[in-house]
């Protein structure tokens, strides 16, 4: 048989990509780069779907020893218009912090609509799944955990990036886009102003204020 050229092999790799990608790049690679390219539409109304996740807030606070401490914020997002319906702030993501965030969401529905409402479907990752399952099932009609290793299945992941860019980046104590990101604040500037970095309560106030600003901008449309 005639020898195949590299170009021909490349053409067949493109032609059969759907069949061979999982074998070459693994199941997670297939889910993240091939399977999730089917775009989904947002829920047509509020309270049809909530998605829950935790995020290490990109704002530094000082505790008297260091000025590079960060808090964790768990957010409950209604993807219909990406409205932050609930949230809770703590030191690390935990089952209790997630429960606080979902309870905050239920209480906020009472502030908006005059009575407490549950959501039809609740989505979260698999953090403390066994412990959280009874709680999730009480707070919603249907609980749908995201597939392990597939962050794209949760709409809340890109929302954190949006929230970080729109609100946190404007603060003097902004810490960047994560440790591995090339887009980081000026280290020399951070070092010079380290004594003016707010304390823990100051950062809690910052985050609460940012959430309320986002809610306020979407409240009328959400209602």
N, C-alpha and C. Protein backbone atom coordinates (compact mmCIF):
# COMPACT_ATOMS: atom_id res chain seq x y z
N UNK A 1 0.84 -1.19 0.00
CA UNK A 1 0.00 0.00 0.00
C UNK A 1 0.88 1.25 0.00
N UNK A 2 0.41 2.33 -0.65
CA UNK A 2 1.20 3.57 -0.63
C UNK A 2 1.23 4.16 0.77
N UNK A 3 2.35 4.80 1.11
CA UNK A 3 2.51 5.39 2.43
C UNK A 3 1.63 6.65 2.55
N UNK A 4 0.94 6.78 3.73
CA UNK A 4 0.08 7.94 3.95
C UNK A 4 0.93 9.13 4.41
N UNK A 5 0.59 10.31 3.92
CA UNK A 5 1.33 11.51 4.32
C UNK A 5 0.78 12.03 5.65
N UNK A 6 1.56 12.90 6.29
CA UNK A 6 1.11 13.50 7.55
C UNK A 6 -0.16 14.31 7.35
N UNK A 7 -0.27 14.97 6.19
CA UNK A 7 -1.47 15.76 5.90
C UNK A 7 -2.72 14.90 5.82
N UNK A 8 -2.58 13.72 5.21
CA UNK A 8 -3.72 12.79 5.11
C UNK A 8 -4.15 12.30 6.49
N UNK A 9 -3.14 11.96 7.30
CA UNK A 9 -3.45 11.53 8.68
C UNK A 9 -4.18 12.63 9.42
N UNK A 10 -3.71 13.87 9.24
CA UNK A 10 -4.36 15.00 9.90
C UNK A 10 -5.80 15.17 9.46
N UNK A 11 -6.07 14.96 8.16
CA UNK A 11 -7.44 15.07 7.65
C UNK A 11 -8.34 14.02 8.28
N UNK A 12 -7.82 12.80 8.43
CA UNK A 12 -8.63 11.74 9.03
C UNK A 12 -8.85 11.99 10.52
N UNK A 13 -7.85 12.58 11.16
CA UNK A 13 -8.04 12.92 12.58
C UNK A 13 -9.18 13.92 12.74
N UNK A 14 -9.27 14.88 11.85
CA UNK A 14 -10.37 15.85 11.89
C UNK A 14 -11.70 15.18 11.57
N UNK A 15 -11.69 14.30 10.56
CA UNK A 15 -12.91 13.64 10.12
C UNK A 15 -13.49 12.74 11.21
N UNK A 16 -12.61 12.03 11.92
CA UNK A 16 -13.06 11.07 12.93
C UNK A 16 -12.87 11.59 14.35
N UNK A 17 -12.79 12.91 14.51
CA UNK A 17 -12.50 13.50 15.82
C UNK A 17 -13.49 13.06 16.89
N UNK A 18 -14.75 13.03 16.53
CA UNK A 18 -15.78 12.65 17.49
C UNK A 18 -15.57 11.24 18.02
N UNK A 19 -15.05 10.35 17.16
CA UNK A 19 -14.85 8.96 17.56
C UNK A 19 -13.55 8.74 18.35
N UNK A 20 -12.50 9.48 18.01
CA UNK A 20 -11.18 9.18 18.59
C UNK A 20 -10.75 10.13 19.71
N UNK A 21 -11.48 11.26 19.89
CA UNK A 21 -11.03 12.28 20.84
C UNK A 21 -10.97 11.74 22.26
N UNK A 22 -11.99 10.98 22.66
CA UNK A 22 -12.02 10.45 24.03
C UNK A 22 -10.85 9.52 24.27
N UNK A 23 -10.43 8.76 23.23
CA UNK A 23 -9.31 7.84 23.40
C UNK A 23 -7.97 8.55 23.51
N UNK A 24 -7.83 9.69 22.83
CA UNK A 24 -6.55 10.41 22.87
C UNK A 24 -6.47 11.43 24.00
N UNK A 25 -7.60 12.07 24.33
CA UNK A 25 -7.58 13.15 25.33
C UNK A 25 -8.30 12.79 26.63
N UNK A 26 -8.94 11.63 26.67
CA UNK A 26 -9.61 11.21 27.90
C UNK A 26 -11.06 11.65 27.95
N UNK A 27 -11.79 11.07 28.89
CA UNK A 27 -13.23 11.34 29.01
C UNK A 27 -13.49 12.80 29.40
N UNK A 28 -12.68 13.34 30.35
CA UNK A 28 -12.88 14.73 30.77
C UNK A 28 -12.61 15.68 29.61
N UNK A 29 -11.56 15.38 28.84
CA UNK A 29 -11.25 16.22 27.68
C UNK A 29 -12.38 16.21 26.67
N UNK A 30 -12.98 15.03 26.46
CA UNK A 30 -14.10 14.92 25.53
C UNK A 30 -15.29 15.74 26.04
N UNK A 31 -15.60 15.62 27.34
CA UNK A 31 -16.74 16.35 27.90
C UNK A 31 -16.55 17.86 27.81
N UNK A 32 -15.32 18.32 28.09
CA UNK A 32 -15.07 19.76 28.14
C UNK A 32 -14.93 20.40 26.77
N UNK A 33 -14.47 19.64 25.77
CA UNK A 33 -14.16 20.25 24.48
C UNK A 33 -15.06 19.82 23.32
N UNK A 34 -15.75 18.70 23.47
CA UNK A 34 -16.61 18.21 22.39
C UNK A 34 -18.07 18.18 22.83
N UNK A 35 -18.35 17.43 23.88
CA UNK A 35 -19.75 17.21 24.27
C UNK A 35 -20.44 18.49 24.70
N UNK A 36 -19.74 19.38 25.41
CA UNK A 36 -20.38 20.58 25.94
C UNK A 36 -20.51 21.70 24.92
N UNK A 37 -20.20 21.43 23.65
CA UNK A 37 -20.36 22.47 22.64
C UNK A 37 -21.81 22.62 22.20
N UNK A 38 -22.67 21.73 22.69
CA UNK A 38 -24.10 21.91 22.46
C UNK A 38 -24.58 22.99 23.42
N UNK A 39 -25.02 24.12 22.88
CA UNK A 39 -25.38 25.26 23.71
C UNK A 39 -26.80 25.09 24.27
N UNK A 40 -26.94 25.44 25.54
CA UNK A 40 -28.26 25.38 26.17
C UNK A 40 -28.83 26.78 26.29
N UNK A 41 -30.15 26.87 26.32
CA UNK A 41 -30.79 28.16 26.51
C UNK A 41 -31.10 28.36 27.98
N UNK A 42 -31.18 29.61 28.41
CA UNK A 42 -31.47 29.92 29.81
C UNK A 42 -32.91 29.57 30.13
N UNK A 43 -33.22 29.30 31.41
CA UNK A 43 -34.61 29.06 31.80
C UNK A 43 -35.50 30.24 31.40
N UNK A 44 -36.73 29.95 31.01
CA UNK A 44 -37.63 31.01 30.53
C UNK A 44 -38.18 31.87 31.65
N UNK A 45 -38.13 31.38 32.90
CA UNK A 45 -38.68 32.13 34.03
C UNK A 45 -37.82 31.92 35.27
N UNK A 46 -37.88 32.84 36.22
CA UNK A 46 -37.20 32.63 37.50
C UNK A 46 -37.77 31.42 38.24
N UNK A 47 -36.98 30.89 39.17
CA UNK A 47 -37.37 29.79 40.06
C UNK A 47 -37.57 28.45 39.35
N UNK A 48 -37.13 28.35 38.09
CA UNK A 48 -37.13 27.05 37.42
C UNK A 48 -35.84 26.29 37.70
N UNK A 49 -34.74 27.01 37.80
CA UNK A 49 -33.45 26.37 38.05
C UNK A 49 -32.56 27.30 38.86
N UNK A 50 -31.91 26.75 39.88
CA UNK A 50 -30.85 27.45 40.61
C UNK A 50 -29.59 26.61 40.52
N UNK A 51 -28.46 27.27 40.44
CA UNK A 51 -27.19 26.58 40.46
C UNK A 51 -26.33 27.15 41.59
N UNK A 52 -25.63 26.28 42.31
CA UNK A 52 -24.90 26.65 43.53
C UNK A 52 -23.42 26.29 43.38
N UNK A 53 -22.55 27.20 43.82
CA UNK A 53 -21.12 26.89 43.82
C UNK A 53 -20.39 27.85 44.75
N UNK A 54 -19.18 27.45 45.15
CA UNK A 54 -18.34 28.28 46.01
C UNK A 54 -17.21 28.92 45.23
N UNK A 55 -16.70 30.04 45.73
CA UNK A 55 -15.65 30.80 45.03
C UNK A 55 -14.77 31.49 46.06
N UNK A 56 -13.46 31.37 45.89
CA UNK A 56 -12.52 32.13 46.73
C UNK A 56 -12.50 33.56 46.22
N UNK A 57 -13.14 34.44 46.96
CA UNK A 57 -13.29 35.83 46.52
C UNK A 57 -11.93 36.48 46.28
N UNK A 58 -11.81 37.16 45.15
CA UNK A 58 -10.52 37.75 44.75
C UNK A 58 -10.30 39.12 45.39
N UNK A 59 -10.46 39.17 46.71
CA UNK A 59 -10.23 40.39 47.48
C UNK A 59 -9.42 40.04 48.72
N UNK A 60 -8.29 40.71 48.91
CA UNK A 60 -7.44 40.45 50.07
C UNK A 60 -7.99 41.14 51.32
N UNK A 61 -7.75 40.50 52.48
CA UNK A 61 -7.97 41.19 53.75
C UNK A 61 -6.81 40.87 54.68
N UNK A 62 -6.56 41.76 55.64
CA UNK A 62 -5.45 41.56 56.57
C UNK A 62 -5.98 41.15 57.94
N UNK A 63 -5.17 40.33 58.62
CA UNK A 63 -5.55 39.87 59.96
C UNK A 63 -4.53 40.26 61.02
N UNK A 64 -3.66 41.24 60.69
CA UNK A 64 -2.63 41.67 61.63
C UNK A 64 -1.29 41.01 61.38
N UNK A 65 -1.29 39.87 60.69
CA UNK A 65 -0.06 39.16 60.37
C UNK A 65 0.24 39.21 58.88
N UNK A 66 -0.75 38.85 58.07
CA UNK A 66 -0.59 38.88 56.62
C UNK A 66 -1.73 39.68 56.00
N UNK A 67 -1.52 40.13 54.77
CA UNK A 67 -2.55 40.92 54.10
C UNK A 67 -3.04 40.22 52.84
N UNK A 68 -2.74 38.93 52.69
CA UNK A 68 -3.14 38.19 51.49
C UNK A 68 -4.15 37.10 51.81
N UNK A 69 -4.98 37.33 52.82
CA UNK A 69 -6.03 36.37 53.16
C UNK A 69 -7.26 36.61 52.28
N UNK A 70 -8.00 35.53 52.00
CA UNK A 70 -9.20 35.66 51.18
C UNK A 70 -10.36 34.90 51.82
N UNK A 71 -11.55 35.40 51.61
CA UNK A 71 -12.76 34.73 52.10
C UNK A 71 -13.37 33.90 50.97
N UNK A 72 -14.23 32.98 51.35
CA UNK A 72 -14.96 32.15 50.38
C UNK A 72 -16.42 32.58 50.36
N UNK A 73 -16.97 32.69 49.16
CA UNK A 73 -18.37 33.06 49.02
C UNK A 73 -19.10 31.97 48.23
N UNK A 74 -20.17 31.44 48.81
CA UNK A 74 -21.03 30.49 48.10
C UNK A 74 -22.21 31.28 47.55
N UNK A 75 -22.48 31.12 46.26
CA UNK A 75 -23.54 31.88 45.60
C UNK A 75 -24.57 30.93 45.01
N UNK A 76 -25.84 31.31 45.15
CA UNK A 76 -26.94 30.61 44.48
C UNK A 76 -27.41 31.51 43.34
N UNK A 77 -27.27 31.04 42.13
CA UNK A 77 -27.56 31.86 40.94
C UNK A 77 -28.81 31.35 40.24
N UNK A 78 -29.71 32.27 39.89
CA UNK A 78 -30.86 31.94 39.05
C UNK A 78 -30.47 32.28 37.61
N UNK A 79 -30.24 31.27 36.75
CA UNK A 79 -29.70 31.54 35.41
C UNK A 79 -30.68 32.20 34.44
N UNK A 80 -31.93 32.39 34.82
CA UNK A 80 -32.89 33.00 33.90
C UNK A 80 -32.37 34.36 33.41
N UNK A 81 -31.86 35.18 34.35
CA UNK A 81 -31.18 36.42 33.96
C UNK A 81 -29.87 36.57 34.74
N UNK A 82 -29.38 35.43 35.29
CA UNK A 82 -28.16 35.39 36.10
C UNK A 82 -28.28 36.33 37.31
N UNK A 83 -29.33 36.08 38.08
CA UNK A 83 -29.62 36.87 39.28
C UNK A 83 -29.08 36.13 40.51
N UNK A 84 -28.22 36.78 41.33
CA UNK A 84 -27.70 36.12 42.54
C UNK A 84 -28.78 36.09 43.63
N UNK A 85 -29.55 35.05 43.65
CA UNK A 85 -30.70 34.95 44.54
C UNK A 85 -30.31 34.68 45.99
N UNK A 86 -29.13 34.06 46.19
CA UNK A 86 -28.68 33.77 47.56
C UNK A 86 -27.17 33.74 47.65
N UNK A 87 -26.65 33.96 48.86
CA UNK A 87 -25.20 33.90 49.05
C UNK A 87 -24.88 33.75 50.54
N UNK A 88 -23.67 33.32 50.81
CA UNK A 88 -23.15 33.23 52.18
C UNK A 88 -21.64 33.37 52.11
N UNK A 89 -21.06 34.02 53.11
CA UNK A 89 -19.62 34.30 53.12
C UNK A 89 -18.98 33.62 54.33
N UNK A 90 -17.87 32.93 54.11
CA UNK A 90 -17.16 32.25 55.20
C UNK A 90 -15.69 32.12 54.89
N UNK A 91 -15.03 31.23 55.64
CA UNK A 91 -13.58 31.06 55.48
C UNK A 91 -13.25 30.00 54.42
N UNK A 92 -14.00 28.91 54.41
CA UNK A 92 -13.80 27.84 53.43
C UNK A 92 -15.17 27.32 53.01
N UNK A 93 -15.22 26.71 51.83
CA UNK A 93 -16.48 26.11 51.40
C UNK A 93 -16.78 24.90 52.28
N UNK A 94 -17.99 24.83 52.77
CA UNK A 94 -18.39 23.74 53.65
C UNK A 94 -19.88 23.47 53.46
N UNK A 95 -20.33 22.35 54.00
CA UNK A 95 -21.75 22.01 53.91
C UNK A 95 -22.60 23.08 54.60
N UNK A 96 -22.13 23.55 55.76
CA UNK A 96 -22.88 24.57 56.50
C UNK A 96 -22.98 25.88 55.71
N UNK A 97 -21.89 26.27 55.04
CA UNK A 97 -21.89 27.52 54.27
C UNK A 97 -22.85 27.40 53.08
N UNK A 98 -22.88 26.23 52.44
CA UNK A 98 -23.80 26.01 51.32
C UNK A 98 -25.24 26.11 51.81
N UNK A 99 -25.52 25.51 52.98
CA UNK A 99 -26.87 25.58 53.55
C UNK A 99 -27.27 27.02 53.84
N UNK A 100 -26.32 27.81 54.36
CA UNK A 100 -26.61 29.22 54.63
C UNK A 100 -26.97 29.96 53.34
N UNK A 101 -26.25 29.66 52.26
CA UNK A 101 -26.49 30.34 50.99
C UNK A 101 -27.87 29.98 50.43
N UNK A 102 -28.24 28.70 50.50
CA UNK A 102 -29.55 28.28 49.97
C UNK A 102 -30.67 28.85 50.84
N UNK A 103 -30.47 28.87 52.16
CA UNK A 103 -31.47 29.47 53.04
C UNK A 103 -31.63 30.96 52.74
N UNK A 104 -30.50 31.64 52.48
CA UNK A 104 -30.55 33.05 52.11
C UNK A 104 -31.36 33.25 50.84
N UNK A 105 -31.22 32.32 49.90
CA UNK A 105 -31.99 32.40 48.65
C UNK A 105 -33.49 32.27 48.91
N UNK A 106 -33.86 31.32 49.77
CA UNK A 106 -35.28 31.12 50.10
C UNK A 106 -35.84 32.37 50.79
N UNK A 107 -35.07 32.93 51.71
CA UNK A 107 -35.52 34.13 52.42
C UNK A 107 -35.63 35.32 51.47
N UNK A 108 -34.73 35.37 50.49
CA UNK A 108 -34.76 36.48 49.54
C UNK A 108 -36.00 36.41 48.64
N UNK A 109 -36.48 35.18 48.36
CA UNK A 109 -37.71 35.07 47.57
C UNK A 109 -38.89 35.70 48.33
N UNK A 110 -38.85 35.60 49.66
CA UNK A 110 -39.91 36.22 50.46
C UNK A 110 -39.81 37.75 50.38
N UNK A 111 -38.58 38.27 50.37
CA UNK A 111 -38.40 39.72 50.22
C UNK A 111 -38.91 40.20 48.87
N UNK A 112 -38.74 39.37 47.83
CA UNK A 112 -39.14 39.76 46.48
C UNK A 112 -40.63 39.58 46.22
N UNK A 113 -41.15 38.42 46.64
CA UNK A 113 -42.50 38.04 46.24
C UNK A 113 -43.52 38.02 47.38
N UNK A 114 -43.09 38.28 48.61
CA UNK A 114 -44.02 38.31 49.72
C UNK A 114 -44.26 36.97 50.39
N UNK A 115 -43.71 35.90 49.84
CA UNK A 115 -43.84 34.56 50.44
C UNK A 115 -42.63 33.73 50.02
N UNK A 116 -42.28 32.77 50.85
CA UNK A 116 -41.13 31.92 50.54
C UNK A 116 -41.45 30.99 49.38
N UNK A 117 -40.51 30.86 48.46
CA UNK A 117 -40.67 29.99 47.30
C UNK A 117 -39.51 28.99 47.24
N UNK A 118 -39.82 27.78 46.80
CA UNK A 118 -38.79 26.80 46.48
C UNK A 118 -38.50 26.87 44.99
N UNK A 119 -37.42 26.23 44.58
CA UNK A 119 -37.06 26.22 43.17
C UNK A 119 -37.44 24.85 42.59
N UNK A 120 -37.73 24.81 41.28
CA UNK A 120 -38.10 23.54 40.67
C UNK A 120 -36.90 22.59 40.61
N UNK A 121 -35.75 23.09 40.15
CA UNK A 121 -34.57 22.23 39.99
C UNK A 121 -33.35 22.93 40.56
N UNK A 122 -32.57 22.21 41.34
CA UNK A 122 -31.36 22.76 41.97
C UNK A 122 -30.16 21.98 41.47
N UNK A 123 -29.13 22.70 41.04
CA UNK A 123 -27.92 22.06 40.53
C UNK A 123 -26.71 22.49 41.36
N UNK A 124 -25.86 21.54 41.68
CA UNK A 124 -24.63 21.86 42.41
C UNK A 124 -23.54 20.90 41.97
N UNK A 125 -22.33 21.10 42.50
CA UNK A 125 -21.29 20.11 42.25
C UNK A 125 -21.47 18.95 43.23
N UNK A 126 -20.48 18.08 43.32
CA UNK A 126 -20.61 16.89 44.14
C UNK A 126 -19.97 17.05 45.52
N UNK A 127 -19.76 18.29 45.95
CA UNK A 127 -19.16 18.54 47.26
C UNK A 127 -20.10 18.04 48.36
N UNK A 128 -19.59 17.18 49.25
CA UNK A 128 -20.36 16.63 50.38
C UNK A 128 -21.73 16.14 49.91
N UNK A 129 -21.73 15.43 48.80
CA UNK A 129 -22.99 15.04 48.14
C UNK A 129 -23.91 14.24 49.06
N UNK A 130 -23.36 13.23 49.74
CA UNK A 130 -24.20 12.38 50.59
C UNK A 130 -24.81 13.16 51.75
N UNK A 131 -24.00 14.04 52.33
CA UNK A 131 -24.48 14.83 53.47
C UNK A 131 -25.50 15.87 53.02
N UNK A 132 -25.30 16.43 51.83
CA UNK A 132 -26.15 17.53 51.36
C UNK A 132 -27.41 17.06 50.63
N UNK A 133 -27.43 15.81 50.17
CA UNK A 133 -28.55 15.33 49.37
C UNK A 133 -29.92 15.54 50.04
N UNK A 134 -30.12 15.17 51.31
CA UNK A 134 -31.43 15.39 51.93
C UNK A 134 -31.82 16.87 51.97
N UNK A 135 -30.84 17.74 52.22
CA UNK A 135 -31.10 19.18 52.27
C UNK A 135 -31.52 19.71 50.90
N UNK A 136 -30.77 19.30 49.85
CA UNK A 136 -31.09 19.75 48.49
C UNK A 136 -32.50 19.28 48.09
N UNK A 137 -32.85 18.06 48.45
CA UNK A 137 -34.14 17.51 48.05
C UNK A 137 -35.30 18.20 48.76
N UNK A 138 -35.06 18.71 49.97
CA UNK A 138 -36.09 19.47 50.68
C UNK A 138 -36.26 20.85 50.07
N UNK A 139 -35.15 21.45 49.64
CA UNK A 139 -35.17 22.83 49.14
C UNK A 139 -35.61 22.94 47.68
N UNK A 140 -35.77 21.82 46.98
CA UNK A 140 -36.15 21.86 45.56
C UNK A 140 -36.98 20.63 45.23
N UNK A 141 -37.66 20.67 44.09
CA UNK A 141 -38.41 19.50 43.64
C UNK A 141 -37.50 18.47 42.99
N UNK A 142 -36.46 18.95 42.30
CA UNK A 142 -35.52 18.05 41.63
C UNK A 142 -34.10 18.51 41.92
N UNK A 143 -33.23 17.57 42.29
CA UNK A 143 -31.82 17.89 42.52
C UNK A 143 -30.98 17.22 41.44
N UNK A 144 -30.15 18.01 40.76
CA UNK A 144 -29.32 17.50 39.67
C UNK A 144 -27.85 17.83 39.92
N UNK A 145 -27.04 16.88 40.39
CA UNK A 145 -25.61 17.17 40.57
C UNK A 145 -24.90 17.27 39.21
N UNK A 146 -23.92 18.15 39.12
CA UNK A 146 -23.14 18.27 37.90
C UNK A 146 -22.22 17.06 37.75
N UNK A 147 -21.90 16.70 36.53
CA UNK A 147 -21.02 15.57 36.30
C UNK A 147 -19.62 15.87 36.83
N UNK A 148 -19.02 14.90 37.48
CA UNK A 148 -17.69 15.08 38.08
C UNK A 148 -16.67 15.42 36.99
N UNK A 149 -15.88 16.48 37.25
CA UNK A 149 -14.82 16.86 36.33
C UNK A 149 -15.27 17.69 35.15
N UNK A 150 -16.54 18.09 35.11
CA UNK A 150 -17.04 18.87 33.99
C UNK A 150 -17.59 20.20 34.50
N UNK A 151 -16.69 21.17 34.68
CA UNK A 151 -17.08 22.47 35.25
C UNK A 151 -18.02 23.24 34.32
N UNK A 152 -17.96 22.96 33.00
CA UNK A 152 -18.78 23.72 32.05
C UNK A 152 -20.26 23.42 32.20
N UNK A 153 -20.60 22.36 32.93
CA UNK A 153 -22.02 22.03 33.08
C UNK A 153 -22.72 23.00 34.02
N UNK A 154 -21.95 23.82 34.73
CA UNK A 154 -22.55 24.79 35.66
C UNK A 154 -22.40 26.21 35.12
N UNK A 155 -23.54 26.88 34.92
CA UNK A 155 -23.50 28.25 34.38
C UNK A 155 -22.86 29.23 35.35
N UNK A 156 -22.77 28.86 36.61
CA UNK A 156 -22.27 29.80 37.61
C UNK A 156 -20.77 30.03 37.49
N UNK A 157 -20.04 29.08 36.89
CA UNK A 157 -18.58 29.22 36.77
C UNK A 157 -18.19 30.50 36.01
N UNK A 158 -18.70 30.74 34.79
CA UNK A 158 -18.36 31.99 34.10
C UNK A 158 -18.94 33.22 34.79
N UNK A 159 -20.00 33.05 35.60
CA UNK A 159 -20.58 34.20 36.30
C UNK A 159 -19.59 34.75 37.32
N UNK A 160 -18.85 33.89 37.99
CA UNK A 160 -17.85 34.35 38.95
C UNK A 160 -16.80 35.23 38.26
N UNK A 161 -16.41 34.85 37.04
CA UNK A 161 -15.45 35.66 36.29
C UNK A 161 -16.04 37.03 35.97
N UNK A 162 -17.31 37.03 35.58
CA UNK A 162 -18.01 38.30 35.29
C UNK A 162 -18.08 39.17 36.54
N UNK A 163 -18.44 38.58 37.67
CA UNK A 163 -18.57 39.32 38.93
C UNK A 163 -17.22 39.87 39.37
N UNK A 164 -16.18 39.08 39.21
CA UNK A 164 -14.82 39.49 39.57
C UNK A 164 -14.38 40.69 38.74
N UNK A 165 -14.67 40.63 37.43
CA UNK A 165 -14.23 41.71 36.54
C UNK A 165 -15.05 42.98 36.73
N UNK A 166 -16.36 42.83 36.94
CA UNK A 166 -17.24 44.00 37.03
C UNK A 166 -17.09 44.73 38.36
N UNK A 167 -16.88 43.99 39.46
CA UNK A 167 -16.88 44.61 40.78
C UNK A 167 -15.52 44.53 41.49
N UNK A 168 -14.98 43.33 41.65
CA UNK A 168 -13.78 43.16 42.47
C UNK A 168 -12.56 43.85 41.87
N UNK A 169 -12.44 43.82 40.55
CA UNK A 169 -11.25 44.38 39.89
C UNK A 169 -11.10 45.87 40.15
N UNK A 170 -12.16 46.56 40.48
CA UNK A 170 -12.10 47.99 40.72
C UNK A 170 -11.60 48.34 42.12
N UNK A 171 -11.47 47.33 42.98
CA UNK A 171 -11.07 47.57 44.37
C UNK A 171 -9.54 47.57 44.50
N UNK A 172 -9.04 48.38 45.41
CA UNK A 172 -7.59 48.47 45.61
C UNK A 172 -7.02 47.18 46.18
N UNK A 173 -7.84 46.36 46.85
CA UNK A 173 -7.36 45.10 47.43
C UNK A 173 -7.68 43.91 46.55
N UNK A 174 -7.87 44.14 45.24
CA UNK A 174 -8.13 43.06 44.30
C UNK A 174 -6.92 42.14 44.19
N UNK A 175 -7.15 40.82 44.16
CA UNK A 175 -6.02 39.88 44.17
C UNK A 175 -5.74 39.25 42.81
N UNK A 176 -6.52 39.57 41.78
CA UNK A 176 -6.24 39.01 40.46
C UNK A 176 -7.27 38.00 40.02
N UNK A 177 -6.90 37.19 39.03
CA UNK A 177 -7.80 36.18 38.49
C UNK A 177 -7.35 34.77 38.86
N UNK A 178 -6.94 34.56 40.09
CA UNK A 178 -6.46 33.24 40.48
C UNK A 178 -4.95 33.16 40.41
N UNK A 179 -4.39 32.19 41.10
CA UNK A 179 -2.94 32.08 41.24
C UNK A 179 -2.24 31.84 39.91
N UNK A 180 -2.85 31.04 39.03
CA UNK A 180 -2.19 30.65 37.77
C UNK A 180 -2.37 31.66 36.65
N UNK A 181 -3.23 32.63 36.85
CA UNK A 181 -3.53 33.57 35.77
C UNK A 181 -2.37 34.54 35.53
N UNK A 182 -2.20 34.91 34.26
CA UNK A 182 -1.18 35.91 33.91
C UNK A 182 -1.67 37.33 34.19
N UNK A 183 -2.98 37.48 34.29
CA UNK A 183 -3.56 38.81 34.55
C UNK A 183 -3.62 39.04 36.05
N UNK A 184 -2.61 39.69 36.59
CA UNK A 184 -2.51 39.91 38.02
C UNK A 184 -2.31 41.39 38.32
N UNK A 185 -2.70 41.83 39.52
CA UNK A 185 -2.46 43.23 39.88
C UNK A 185 -0.97 43.48 40.08
N UNK A 186 -0.61 44.75 40.15
CA UNK A 186 0.78 45.14 40.35
C UNK A 186 1.26 44.75 41.74
N UNK A 187 2.22 43.84 41.82
CA UNK A 187 2.70 43.32 43.11
C UNK A 187 3.35 44.43 43.94
N UNK A 188 4.09 45.32 43.28
CA UNK A 188 4.74 46.42 44.00
C UNK A 188 3.70 47.34 44.63
N UNK A 189 2.63 47.61 43.89
CA UNK A 189 1.57 48.46 44.42
C UNK A 189 0.90 47.79 45.62
N UNK A 190 0.61 46.49 45.50
CA UNK A 190 -0.02 45.77 46.61
C UNK A 190 0.85 45.82 47.86
N UNK A 191 2.15 45.69 47.67
CA UNK A 191 3.07 45.71 48.81
C UNK A 191 3.10 47.09 49.47
N UNK A 192 3.03 48.16 48.65
CA UNK A 192 3.08 49.52 49.20
C UNK A 192 1.81 49.86 49.98
N UNK A 193 0.67 49.34 49.53
CA UNK A 193 -0.58 49.71 50.18
C UNK A 193 -1.11 48.61 51.12
N UNK A 194 -0.22 47.67 51.50
CA UNK A 194 -0.67 46.53 52.32
C UNK A 194 -1.27 46.96 53.66
N UNK A 195 -0.82 48.11 54.20
CA UNK A 195 -1.33 48.55 55.50
C UNK A 195 -2.74 49.12 55.39
N UNK A 196 -3.15 49.48 54.18
CA UNK A 196 -4.50 50.02 54.01
C UNK A 196 -5.50 48.96 53.52
N UNK A 197 -5.04 47.71 53.39
CA UNK A 197 -5.94 46.62 53.02
C UNK A 197 -6.98 46.44 54.13
N UNK A 198 -8.26 46.34 53.81
CA UNK A 198 -9.27 46.24 54.85
C UNK A 198 -9.17 44.95 55.66
N UNK A 199 -9.79 44.95 56.83
CA UNK A 199 -9.81 43.73 57.63
C UNK A 199 -10.93 42.82 57.14
N UNK A 200 -11.13 41.72 57.84
CA UNK A 200 -12.13 40.73 57.41
C UNK A 200 -13.53 41.34 57.27
N UNK A 201 -13.94 42.12 58.28
CA UNK A 201 -15.28 42.72 58.24
C UNK A 201 -15.41 43.69 57.06
N UNK A 202 -14.31 44.38 56.75
CA UNK A 202 -14.33 45.30 55.62
C UNK A 202 -14.58 44.59 54.30
N UNK A 203 -13.93 43.42 54.12
CA UNK A 203 -14.10 42.65 52.88
C UNK A 203 -15.49 42.02 52.84
N UNK A 204 -16.01 41.59 53.99
CA UNK A 204 -17.38 41.06 54.02
C UNK A 204 -18.36 42.15 53.57
N UNK A 205 -18.14 43.37 54.05
CA UNK A 205 -19.00 44.48 53.65
C UNK A 205 -18.87 44.73 52.15
N UNK A 206 -17.63 44.66 51.61
CA UNK A 206 -17.42 44.87 50.18
C UNK A 206 -18.24 43.87 49.36
N UNK A 207 -18.13 42.59 49.72
CA UNK A 207 -18.82 41.54 48.97
C UNK A 207 -20.33 41.67 49.08
N UNK A 208 -20.81 41.96 50.29
CA UNK A 208 -22.25 42.14 50.48
C UNK A 208 -22.77 43.30 49.64
N UNK A 209 -22.01 44.39 49.63
CA UNK A 209 -22.40 45.57 48.86
C UNK A 209 -22.41 45.26 47.36
N UNK A 210 -21.42 44.51 46.88
CA UNK A 210 -21.35 44.16 45.46
C UNK A 210 -22.53 43.29 45.04
N UNK A 211 -22.88 42.32 45.88
CA UNK A 211 -24.03 41.45 45.59
C UNK A 211 -25.31 42.29 45.54
N UNK A 212 -25.47 43.19 46.50
CA UNK A 212 -26.67 44.02 46.53
C UNK A 212 -26.75 44.94 45.32
N UNK A 213 -25.61 45.43 44.87
CA UNK A 213 -25.59 46.27 43.66
C UNK A 213 -26.02 45.46 42.44
N UNK A 214 -25.53 44.23 42.33
CA UNK A 214 -25.91 43.36 41.21
C UNK A 214 -27.40 43.02 41.27
N UNK A 215 -27.88 42.71 42.47
CA UNK A 215 -29.31 42.44 42.64
C UNK A 215 -30.16 43.63 42.22
N UNK A 216 -29.73 44.80 42.67
CA UNK A 216 -30.50 46.02 42.40
C UNK A 216 -30.60 46.30 40.90
N UNK A 217 -29.51 46.02 40.18
CA UNK A 217 -29.50 46.29 38.74
C UNK A 217 -30.42 45.34 37.97
N UNK A 218 -30.73 44.17 38.57
CA UNK A 218 -31.53 43.15 37.87
C UNK A 218 -32.91 42.95 38.50
N UNK A 219 -33.16 43.60 39.64
CA UNK A 219 -34.38 43.31 40.40
C UNK A 219 -35.66 43.50 39.60
N UNK A 220 -35.77 44.65 38.94
CA UNK A 220 -37.01 44.96 38.21
C UNK A 220 -37.28 43.92 37.11
N UNK A 221 -36.22 43.57 36.38
CA UNK A 221 -36.36 42.56 35.31
C UNK A 221 -36.71 41.20 35.89
N UNK A 222 -36.11 40.87 37.03
CA UNK A 222 -36.36 39.57 37.68
C UNK A 222 -37.81 39.47 38.15
N UNK A 223 -38.31 40.55 38.75
CA UNK A 223 -39.70 40.56 39.20
C UNK A 223 -40.68 40.48 38.04
